[in-house]
């Protein structure tokens, strides 16, 4: 589940937070953004289990990797036992 996904002018980056409703170690979260003219950007990081969920933490993609326009995308979680994907709401990059 994506908890926030937005352009952050202060950091000049798209910042996305997400979690999975299972508690486990060994998973990875991948943020994929899709923009104008077929442009794309991707970042991955290990997920971390807490008391009740597995968190993807804060994932970010810097402005220098993003062309101006409308971007959308997804967060995908994969572990040896679980996988899932959540779509992002479209956002405008200035």
PDB file of N, CA and C in Angstrom:
ATOM      1  N   UNK A   1       0.836  -1.170   0.000  1.00  0.00           N
ATOM      2  CA  UNK A   1       0.000   0.000   0.000  1.00  0.00           C
ATOM      3  C   UNK A   1       0.888   1.243   0.000  1.00  0.00           C
ATOM      4  N   UNK A   2       0.585   2.175  -0.892  1.00  0.00           N
ATOM      5  CA  UNK A   2       1.311   3.436  -0.969  1.00  0.00           C
ATOM      6  C   UNK A   2       0.683   4.409   0.021  1.00  0.00           C
ATOM      7  N   UNK A   3       1.498   4.972   0.909  1.00  0.00           N
ATOM      8  CA  UNK A   3       0.977   5.918   1.893  1.00  0.00           C
ATOM      9  C   UNK A   3       1.133   7.362   1.440  1.00  0.00           C
ATOM     10  N   UNK A   4       2.131   7.642   0.618  1.00  0.00           N
ATOM     11  CA  UNK A   4       2.266   8.973   0.027  1.00  0.00           C
ATOM     12  C   UNK A   4       3.117   8.868  -1.224  1.00  0.00           C
ATOM     13  N   UNK A   5       2.794   9.716  -2.193  1.00  0.00           N
ATOM     14  CA  UNK A   5       3.549   9.779  -3.443  1.00  0.00           C
ATOM     15  C   UNK A   5       3.349  11.172  -4.009  1.00  0.00           C
ATOM     16  N   UNK A   6       4.418  11.960  -4.001  1.00  0.00           N
ATOM     17  CA  UNK A   6       4.267  13.333  -4.466  1.00  0.00           C
ATOM     18  C   UNK A   6       5.599  13.956  -4.838  1.00  0.00           C
ATOM     19  N   UNK A   7       5.495  15.018  -5.640  1.00  0.00           N
ATOM     20  CA  UNK A   7       6.636  15.859  -5.955  1.00  0.00           C
ATOM     21  C   UNK A   7       6.905  16.738  -4.742  1.00  0.00           C
ATOM     22  N   UNK A   8       8.162  16.772  -4.311  1.00  0.00           N
ATOM     23  CA  UNK A   8       8.561  17.589  -3.167  1.00  0.00           C
ATOM     24  C   UNK A   8       9.488  18.707  -3.640  1.00  0.00           C
ATOM     25  N   UNK A   9       8.983  19.943  -3.729  1.00  0.00           N
ATOM     26  CA  UNK A   9       9.833  21.043  -4.198  1.00  0.00           C
ATOM     27  C   UNK A   9      11.062  21.262  -3.311  1.00  0.00           C
ATOM     28  N   UNK A  10      10.921  21.051  -2.007  1.00  0.00           N
ATOM     29  CA  UNK A  10      12.034  21.290  -1.087  1.00  0.00           C
ATOM     30  C   UNK A  10      13.238  20.403  -1.336  1.00  0.00           C
ATOM     31  N   UNK A  11      12.999  19.170  -1.760  1.00  0.00           N
ATOM     32  CA  UNK A  11      14.095  18.240  -2.041  1.00  0.00           C
ATOM     33  C   UNK A  11      14.306  18.046  -3.538  1.00  0.00           C
ATOM     34  N   UNK A  12      13.449  18.660  -4.351  1.00  0.00           N
ATOM     35  CA  UNK A  12      13.500  18.526  -5.814  1.00  0.00           C
ATOM     36  C   UNK A  12      13.517  17.055  -6.216  1.00  0.00           C
ATOM     37  N   UNK A  13      12.541  16.318  -5.680  1.00  0.00           N
ATOM     38  CA  UNK A  13      12.462  14.887  -5.964  1.00  0.00           C
ATOM     39  C   UNK A  13      11.027  14.400  -5.824  1.00  0.00           C
ATOM     40  N   UNK A  14      10.718  13.304  -6.513  1.00  0.00           N
ATOM     41  CA  UNK A  14       9.498  12.559  -6.227  1.00  0.00           C
ATOM     42  C   UNK A  14       9.815  11.680  -5.029  1.00  0.00           C
ATOM     43  N   UNK A  15       8.964  11.740  -4.011  1.00  0.00           N
ATOM     44  CA  UNK A  15       9.151  10.934  -2.809  1.00  0.00           C
ATOM     45  C   UNK A  15       7.934  10.043  -2.602  1.00  0.00           C
ATOM     46  N   UNK A  16       8.188   8.767  -2.368  1.00  0.00           N
ATOM     47  CA  UNK A  16       7.121   7.770  -2.234  1.00  0.00           C
ATOM     48  C   UNK A  16       7.381   6.934  -0.985  1.00  0.00           C
ATOM     49  N   UNK A  17       6.337   6.750  -0.184  1.00  0.00           N
ATOM     50  CA  UNK A  17       6.389   5.860   0.979  1.00  0.00           C
ATOM     51  C   UNK A  17       5.364   4.751   0.778  1.00  0.00           C
ATOM     52  N   UNK A  18       5.721   3.538   1.170  1.00  0.00           N
ATOM     53  CA  UNK A  18       4.815   2.402   0.985  1.00  0.00           C
ATOM     54  C   UNK A  18       5.126   1.323   2.020  1.00  0.00           C
ATOM     55  N   UNK A  19       4.164   0.421   2.195  1.00  0.00           N
ATOM     56  CA  UNK A  19       4.368  -0.724   3.080  1.00  0.00           C
ATOM     57  C   UNK A  19       3.570  -1.910   2.570  1.00  0.00           C
ATOM     58  N   UNK A  20       3.880  -3.081   3.117  1.00  0.00           N
ATOM     59  CA  UNK A  20       3.198  -4.324   2.781  1.00  0.00           C
ATOM     60  C   UNK A  20       2.599  -4.883   4.068  1.00  0.00           C
ATOM     61  N   UNK A  21       1.413  -5.450   3.976  1.00  0.00           N
ATOM     62  CA  UNK A  21       0.693  -5.940   5.167  1.00  0.00           C
ATOM     63  C   UNK A  21       1.130  -7.333   5.601  1.00  0.00           C
ATOM     64  N   UNK A  22       2.420  -7.585   5.570  1.00  0.00           N
ATOM     65  CA  UNK A  22       3.000  -8.811   6.116  1.00  0.00           C
ATOM     66  C   UNK A  22       4.236  -8.409   6.913  1.00  0.00           C
ATOM     67  N   UNK A  23       4.670  -9.261   7.810  1.00  0.00           N
ATOM     68  CA  UNK A  23       5.897  -8.999   8.565  1.00  0.00           C
ATOM     69  C   UNK A  23       6.911 -10.055   8.156  1.00  0.00           C
ATOM     70  N   UNK A  24       7.956  -9.627   7.435  1.00  0.00           N
ATOM     71  CA  UNK A  24       8.980 -10.563   6.977  1.00  0.00           C
ATOM     72  C   UNK A  24      10.245  -9.805   6.603  1.00  0.00           C
ATOM     73  N   UNK A  25      11.338 -10.511   6.613  1.00  0.00           N
ATOM     74  CA  UNK A  25      12.622  -9.965   6.179  1.00  0.00           C
ATOM     75  C   UNK A  25      12.936 -10.501   4.790  1.00  0.00           C
ATOM     76  N   UNK A  26      13.857  -9.840   4.108  1.00  0.00           N
ATOM     77  CA  UNK A  26      14.355 -10.363   2.842  1.00  0.00           C
ATOM     78  C   UNK A  26      13.637  -9.869   1.611  1.00  0.00           C
ATOM     79  N   UNK A  27      12.730  -8.884   1.761  1.00  0.00           N
ATOM     80  CA  UNK A  27      12.027  -8.351   0.600  1.00  0.00           C
ATOM     81  C   UNK A  27      12.696  -7.113   0.039  1.00  0.00           C
ATOM     82  N   UNK A  28      12.306  -6.762  -1.167  1.00  0.00           N
ATOM     83  CA  UNK A  28      12.830  -5.568  -1.828  1.00  0.00           C
ATOM     84  C   UNK A  28      11.683  -4.778  -2.432  1.00  0.00           C
ATOM     85  N   UNK A  29      11.768  -3.462  -2.319  1.00  0.00           N
ATOM     86  CA  UNK A  29      10.784  -2.556  -2.908  1.00  0.00           C
ATOM     87  C   UNK A  29      11.406  -1.861  -4.107  1.00  0.00           C
ATOM     88  N   UNK A  30      10.650  -1.766  -5.190  1.00  0.00           N
ATOM     89  CA  UNK A  30      11.109  -1.078  -6.391  1.00  0.00           C
ATOM     90  C   UNK A  30      10.081  -0.041  -6.789  1.00  0.00           C
ATOM     91  N   UNK A  31      10.528   1.200  -6.896  1.00  0.00           N
ATOM     92  CA  UNK A  31       9.707   2.299  -7.392  1.00  0.00           C
ATOM     93  C   UNK A  31      10.037   2.500  -8.858  1.00  0.00           C
ATOM     94  N   UNK A  32       9.025   2.402  -9.713  1.00  0.00           N
ATOM     95  CA  UNK A  32       9.185   2.650 -11.139  1.00  0.00           C
ATOM     96  C   UNK A  32       8.295   3.817 -11.518  1.00  0.00           C
ATOM     97  N   UNK A  33       8.877   4.836 -12.145  1.00  0.00           N
ATOM     98  CA  UNK A  33       8.123   5.995 -12.615  1.00  0.00           C
ATOM     99  C   UNK A  33       8.117   6.005 -14.131  1.00  0.00           C
ATOM    100  N   UNK A  34       6.971   6.385 -14.707  1.00  0.00           N
ATOM    101  CA  UNK A  34       6.796   6.445 -16.156  1.00  0.00           C
ATOM    102  C   UNK A  34       6.312   7.833 -16.512  1.00  0.00           C
ATOM    103  N   UNK A  35       7.021   8.472 -17.456  1.00  0.00           N
ATOM    104  CA  UNK A  35       6.710   9.856 -17.776  1.00  0.00           C
ATOM    105  C   UNK A  35       6.518  10.119 -19.253  1.00  0.00           C
ATOM    106  N   UNK A  36       6.607  11.394 -19.624  1.00  0.00           N
ATOM    107  CA  UNK A  36       6.344  11.808 -21.001  1.00  0.00           C
ATOM    108  C   UNK A  36       7.305  11.156 -21.999  1.00  0.00           C
ATOM    109  N   UNK A  37       6.776  10.830 -23.156  1.00  0.00           N
ATOM    110  CA  UNK A  37       7.598  10.302 -24.234  1.00  0.00           C
ATOM    111  C   UNK A  37       8.261   8.977 -23.932  1.00  0.00           C
ATOM    112  N   UNK A  38       7.674   8.196 -23.033  1.00  0.00           N
ATOM    113  CA  UNK A  38       8.244   6.894 -22.708  1.00  0.00           C
ATOM    114  C   UNK A  38       9.397   6.942 -21.721  1.00  0.00           C
ATOM    115  N   UNK A  39       9.644   8.104 -21.127  1.00  0.00           N
ATOM    116  CA  UNK A  39      10.719   8.219 -20.134  1.00  0.00           C
ATOM    117  C   UNK A  39      10.397   7.360 -18.914  1.00  0.00           C
ATOM    118  N   UNK A  40      11.436   6.866 -18.267  1.00  0.00           N
ATOM    119  CA  UNK A  40      11.220   6.084 -17.049  1.00  0.00           C
ATOM    120  C   UNK A  40      12.390   6.278 -16.095  1.00  0.00           C
ATOM    121  N   UNK A  41      12.121   6.028 -14.831  1.00  0.00           N
ATOM    122  CA  UNK A  41      13.150   6.086 -13.791  1.00  0.00           C
ATOM    123  C   UNK A  41      12.797   5.031 -12.754  1.00  0.00           C
ATOM    124  N   UNK A  42      13.823   4.440 -12.159  1.00  0.00           N
ATOM    125  CA  UNK A  42      13.578   3.339 -11.221  1.00  0.00           C
ATOM    126  C   UNK A  42      14.590   3.399 -10.081  1.00  0.00           C
ATOM    127  N   UNK A  43      14.133   3.031  -8.900  1.00  0.00           N
ATOM    128  CA  UNK A  43      15.021   2.872  -7.752  1.00  0.00           C
ATOM    129  C   UNK A  43      14.512   1.721  -6.893  1.00  0.00           C
ATOM    130  N   UNK A  44      15.431   0.999  -6.280  1.00  0.00           N
ATOM    131  CA  UNK A  44      15.072  -0.140  -5.425  1.00  0.00           C
ATOM    132  C   UNK A  44      15.806  -0.033  -4.102  1.00  0.00           C
ATOM    133  N   UNK A  45      15.203  -0.609  -3.067  1.00  0.00           N
ATOM    134  CA  UNK A  45      15.860  -0.673  -1.765  1.00  0.00           C
ATOM    135  C   UNK A  45      15.280  -1.818  -0.955  1.00  0.00           C
ATOM    136  N   UNK A  46      16.044  -2.317   0.014  1.00  0.00           N
ATOM    137  CA  UNK A  46      15.536  -3.392   0.866  1.00  0.00           C
ATOM    138  C   UNK A  46      14.358  -2.913   1.710  1.00  0.00           C
ATOM    139  N   UNK A  47      13.396  -3.789   1.917  1.00  0.00           N
ATOM    140  CA  UNK A  47      12.270  -3.504   2.813  1.00  0.00           C
ATOM    141  C   UNK A  47      12.663  -3.920   4.225  1.00  0.00           C
ATOM    142  N   UNK A  48      12.055  -3.249   5.215  1.00  0.00           N
ATOM    143  CA  UNK A  48      12.373  -3.530   6.615  1.00  0.00           C
ATOM    144  C   UNK A  48      11.113  -3.885   7.381  1.00  0.00           C
ATOM    145  N   UNK A  49      11.129  -5.012   8.072  1.00  0.00           N
ATOM    146  CA  UNK A  49       9.976  -5.431   8.876  1.00  0.00           C
ATOM    147  C   UNK A  49       9.922  -4.624  10.162  1.00  0.00           C
ATOM    148  N   UNK A  50       8.695  -4.269  10.570  1.00  0.00           N
ATOM    149  CA  UNK A  50       8.491  -3.672  11.887  1.00  0.00           C
ATOM    150  C   UNK A  50       7.486  -4.545  12.638  1.00  0.00           C
ATOM    151  N   UNK A  51       6.810  -4.011  13.628  1.00  0.00           N
ATOM    152  CA  UNK A  51       5.932  -4.832  14.473  1.00  0.00           C
ATOM    153  C   UNK A  51       4.735  -5.409  13.733  1.00  0.00           C
ATOM    154  N   UNK A  52       4.194  -4.671  12.750  1.00  0.00           N
ATOM    155  CA  UNK A  52       2.954  -5.130  12.117  1.00  0.00           C
ATOM    156  C   UNK A  52       2.956  -5.102  10.590  1.00  0.00           C
ATOM    157  N   UNK A  53       3.994  -4.539   9.972  1.00  0.00           N
ATOM    158  CA  UNK A  53       4.063  -4.457   8.514  1.00  0.00           C
ATOM    159  C   UNK A  53       5.514  -4.622   8.071  1.00  0.00           C
ATOM    160  N   UNK A  54       5.709  -4.591   6.771  1.00  0.00           N
ATOM    161  CA  UNK A  54       7.045  -4.498   6.195  1.00  0.00           C
ATOM    162  C   UNK A  54       7.090  -3.198   5.410  1.00  0.00           C
ATOM    163  N   UNK A  55       8.007  -2.325   5.774  1.00  0.00           N
ATOM    164  CA  UNK A  55       8.049  -0.975   5.225  1.00  0.00           C
ATOM    165  C   UNK A  55       9.045  -0.860   4.078  1.00  0.00           C
ATOM    166  N   UNK A  56       8.612  -0.160   3.040  1.00  0.00           N
ATOM    167  CA  UNK A  56       9.524   0.192   1.953  1.00  0.00           C
ATOM    168  C   UNK A  56      10.313   1.451   2.294  1.00  0.00           C
ATOM    169  N   UNK A  57       9.925   2.134   3.368  1.00  0.00           N
ATOM    170  CA  UNK A  57      10.603   3.369   3.737  1.00  0.00           C
ATOM    171  C   UNK A  57      10.296   4.473   2.746  1.00  0.00           C
ATOM    172  N   UNK A  58      11.169   5.462   2.697  1.00  0.00           N
ATOM    173  CA  UNK A  58      11.019   6.586   1.776  1.00  0.00           C
ATOM    174  C   UNK A  58      11.900   6.338   0.566  1.00  0.00           C
ATOM    175  N   UNK A  59      11.280   6.244  -0.596  1.00  0.00           N
ATOM    176  CA  UNK A  59      12.013   6.090  -1.846  1.00  0.00           C
ATOM    177  C   UNK A  59      11.925   7.402  -2.602  1.00  0.00           C
ATOM    178  N   UNK A  60      13.021   7.808  -3.236  1.00  0.00           N
ATOM    179  CA  UNK A  60      12.990   9.079  -3.952  1.00  0.00           C
ATOM    180  C   UNK A  60      13.738   8.982  -5.271  1.00  0.00           C
ATOM    181  N   UNK A  61      13.269   9.801  -6.218  1.00  0.00           N
ATOM    182  CA  UNK A  61      13.917   9.941  -7.518  1.00  0.00           C
ATOM    183  C   UNK A  61      14.140  11.430  -7.729  1.00  0.00           C
ATOM    184  N   UNK A  62      15.391  11.820  -7.939  1.00  0.00           N
ATOM    185  CA  UNK A  62      15.764  13.226  -8.057  1.00  0.00           C
ATOM    186  C   UNK A  62      15.268  13.849  -9.361  1.00  0.00           C
ATOM    187  N   UNK A  63      15.073  15.148  -9.309  1.00  0.00           N
ATOM    188  CA  UNK A  63      14.567  15.939 -10.438  1.00  0.00           C
ATOM    189  C   UNK A  63      15.406  15.760 -11.693  1.00  0.00           C
ATOM    190  N   UNK A  64      16.725  15.609 -11.543  1.00  0.00           N
ATOM    191  CA  UNK A  64      17.576  15.500 -12.730  1.00  0.00           C
ATOM    192  C   UNK A  64      17.340  14.213 -13.519  1.00  0.00           C
ATOM    193  N   UNK A  65      16.551  13.290 -12.967  1.00  0.00           N
ATOM    194  CA  UNK A  65      16.196  12.062 -13.686  1.00  0.00           C
ATOM    195  C   UNK A  65      14.782  12.117 -14.264  1.00  0.00           C
ATOM    196  N   UNK A  66      14.097  13.268 -14.098  1.00  0.00           N
ATOM    197  CA  UNK A  66      12.686  13.380 -14.477  1.00  0.00           C
ATOM    198  C   UNK A  66      12.463  14.568 -15.404  1.00  0.00           C
ATOM    199  N   UNK A  67      11.866  14.323 -16.550  1.00  0.00           N
ATOM    200  CA  UNK A  67      11.492  15.405 -17.457  1.00  0.00           C
ATOM    201  C   UNK A  67      10.210  16.060 -16.949  1.00  0.00           C
ATOM    202  N   UNK A  68      10.007  17.336 -17.253  1.00  0.00           N
ATOM    203  CA  UNK A  68       8.746  17.975 -16.862  1.00  0.00           C
ATOM    204  C   UNK A  68       7.553  17.280 -17.514  1.00  0.00           C
ATOM    205  N   UNK A  69       6.434  17.255 -16.804  1.00  0.00           N
ATOM    206  CA  UNK A  69       5.212  16.660 -17.339  1.00  0.00           C
ATOM    207  C   UNK A  69       4.537  15.760 -16.327  1.00  0.00           C
ATOM    208  N   UNK A  70       3.594  14.967 -16.820  1.00  0.00           N
ATOM    209  CA  UNK A  70       2.825  14.064 -15.961  1.00  0.00           C
ATOM    210  C   UNK A  70       3.537  12.720 -15.848  1.00  0.00           C
ATOM    211  N   UNK A  71       3.721  12.280 -14.610  1.00  0.00           N
ATOM    212  CA  UNK A  71       4.360  11.000 -14.322  1.00  0.00           C
ATOM    213  C   UNK A  71       3.423  10.131 -13.499  1.00  0.00           C
ATOM    214  N   UNK A  72       3.493   8.848 -13.745  1.00  0.00           N
ATOM    215  CA  UNK A  72       2.782   7.868 -12.928  1.00  0.00           C
ATOM    216  C   UNK A  72       3.745   6.710 -12.688  1.00  0.00           C
ATOM    217  N   UNK A  73       3.254   5.623 -12.179  1.00  0.00           N
ATOM    218  CA  UNK A  73       4.148   4.494 -11.957  1.00  0.00           C
ATOM    219  C   UNK A  73       3.614   3.543 -10.919  1.00  0.00           C
ATOM    220  N   UNK A  74       4.538   2.828 -10.261  1.00  0.00           N
ATOM    221  CA  UNK A  74       4.125   1.811  -9.297  1.00  0.00           C
ATOM    222  C   UNK A  74       5.232   1.538  -8.294  1.00  0.00           C
ATOM    223  N   UNK A  75       4.820   0.939  -7.181  1.00  0.00           N
ATOM    224  CA  UNK A  75       5.755   0.370  -6.213  1.00  0.00           C
ATOM    225  C   UNK A  75       5.516  -1.133  -6.222  1.00  0.00           C
ATOM    226  N   UNK A  76       6.584  -1.890  -6.407  1.00  0.00           N
ATOM    227  CA  UNK A  76       6.485  -3.351  -6.414  1.00  0.00           C
ATOM    228  C   UNK A  76       7.313  -3.905  -5.261  1.00  0.00           C
ATOM    229  N   UNK A  77       6.722  -4.851  -4.547  1.00  0.00           N
ATOM    230  CA  UNK A  77       7.404  -5.537  -3.450  1.00  0.00           C
ATOM    231  C   UNK A  77       7.582  -6.997  -3.837  1.00  0.00           C
ATOM    232  N   UNK A  78       8.797  -7.515  -3.641  1.00  0.00           N
ATOM    233  CA  UNK A  78       9.077  -8.921  -3.941  1.00  0.00           C
ATOM    234  C   UNK A  78       9.947  -9.495  -2.827  1.00  0.00           C
ATOM    235  N   UNK A  79       9.552 -10.665  -2.329  1.00  0.00           N
ATOM    236  CA  UNK A  79      10.348 -11.429  -1.365  1.00  0.00           C
ATOM    237  C   UNK A  79      10.293 -12.891  -1.806  1.00  0.00           C
ATOM    238  N   UNK A  80      11.005 -13.773  -1.125  1.00  0.00           N
ATOM    239  CA  UNK A  80      10.915 -15.191  -1.492  1.00  0.00           C
ATOM    240  C   UNK A  80       9.504 -15.772  -1.359  1.00  0.00           C
ATOM    241  N   UNK A  81       8.635 -15.158  -0.539  1.00  0.00           N
ATOM    242  CA  UNK A  81       7.304 -15.732  -0.310  1.00  0.00           C
ATOM    243  C   UNK A  81       6.140 -14.827  -0.693  1.00  0.00           C
ATOM    244  N   UNK A  82       6.394 -13.541  -0.933  1.00  0.00           N
ATOM    245  CA  UNK A  82       5.312 -12.582  -1.157  1.00  0.00           C
ATOM    246  C   UNK A  82       5.675 -11.635  -2.286  1.00  0.00           C
ATOM    247  N   UNK A  83       4.674 -11.227  -3.060  1.00  0.00           N
ATOM    248  CA  UNK A  83       4.890 -10.162  -4.042  1.00  0.00           C
ATOM    249  C   UNK A  83       3.604  -9.368  -4.189  1.00  0.00           C
ATOM    250  N   UNK A  84       3.746  -8.135  -4.609  1.00  0.00           N
ATOM    251  CA  UNK A  84       2.585  -7.285  -4.818  1.00  0.00           C
ATOM    252  C   UNK A  84       3.002  -5.986  -5.461  1.00  0.00           C
ATOM    253  N   UNK A  85       2.019  -5.295  -6.015  1.00  0.00           N
ATOM    254  CA  UNK A  85       2.289  -4.041  -6.711  1.00  0.00           C
ATOM    255  C   UNK A  85       1.146  -3.078  -6.468  1.00  0.00           C
ATOM    256  N   UNK A  86       1.484  -1.805  -6.288  1.00  0.00           N
ATOM    257  CA  UNK A  86       0.486  -0.749  -6.113  1.00  0.00           C
ATOM    258  C   UNK A  86       0.792   0.370  -7.095  1.00  0.00           C
ATOM    259  N   UNK A  87      -0.236   0.837  -7.785  1.00  0.00           N
ATOM    260  CA  UNK A  87      -0.086   1.928  -8.751  1.00  0.00           C
ATOM    261  C   UNK A  87      -0.092   3.273  -8.036  1.00  0.00           C
ATOM    262  N   UNK A  88       0.607   4.231  -8.621  1.00  0.00           N
ATOM    263  CA  UNK A  88       0.653   5.589  -8.096  1.00  0.00           C
ATOM    264  C   UNK A  88      -0.364   6.465  -8.811  1.00  0.00           C
ATOM    265  N   UNK A  89      -0.866   7.455  -8.103  1.00  0.00           N
ATOM    266  CA  UNK A  89      -1.704   8.481  -8.715  1.00  0.00           C
ATOM    267  C   UNK A  89      -0.807   9.370  -9.573  1.00  0.00           C
ATOM    268  N   UNK A  90      -1.250   9.770 -10.772  1.00  0.00           N
ATOM    269  CA  UNK A  90      -0.413  10.651 -11.599  1.00  0.00           C
ATOM    270  C   UNK A  90      -0.036  11.937 -10.866  1.00  0.00           C
ATOM    271  N   UNK A  91       1.178  12.422 -11.140  1.00  0.00           N
ATOM    272  CA  UNK A  91       1.653  13.663 -10.525  1.00  0.00           C
ATOM    273  C   UNK A  91       2.363  14.509 -11.569  1.00  0.00           C
ATOM    274  N   UNK A  92       2.335  15.809 -11.366  1.00  0.00           N
ATOM    275  CA  UNK A  92       2.977  16.749 -12.280  1.00  0.00           C
ATOM    276  C   UNK A  92       4.375  17.090 -11.780  1.00  0.00           C
ATOM    277  N   UNK A  93       5.344  16.979 -12.680  1.00  0.00           N
ATOM    278  CA  UNK A  93       6.711  17.384 -12.380  1.00  0.00           C
ATOM    279  C   UNK A  93       6.956  18.700 -13.111  1.00  0.00           C
ATOM    280  N   UNK A  94       7.330  19.750 -12.379  1.00  0.00           N
ATOM    281  CA  UNK A  94       7.518  21.063 -13.028  1.00  0.00           C
ATOM    282  C   UNK A  94       8.773  21.113 -13.895  1.00  0.00           C
TER     283      UNK A  94
END
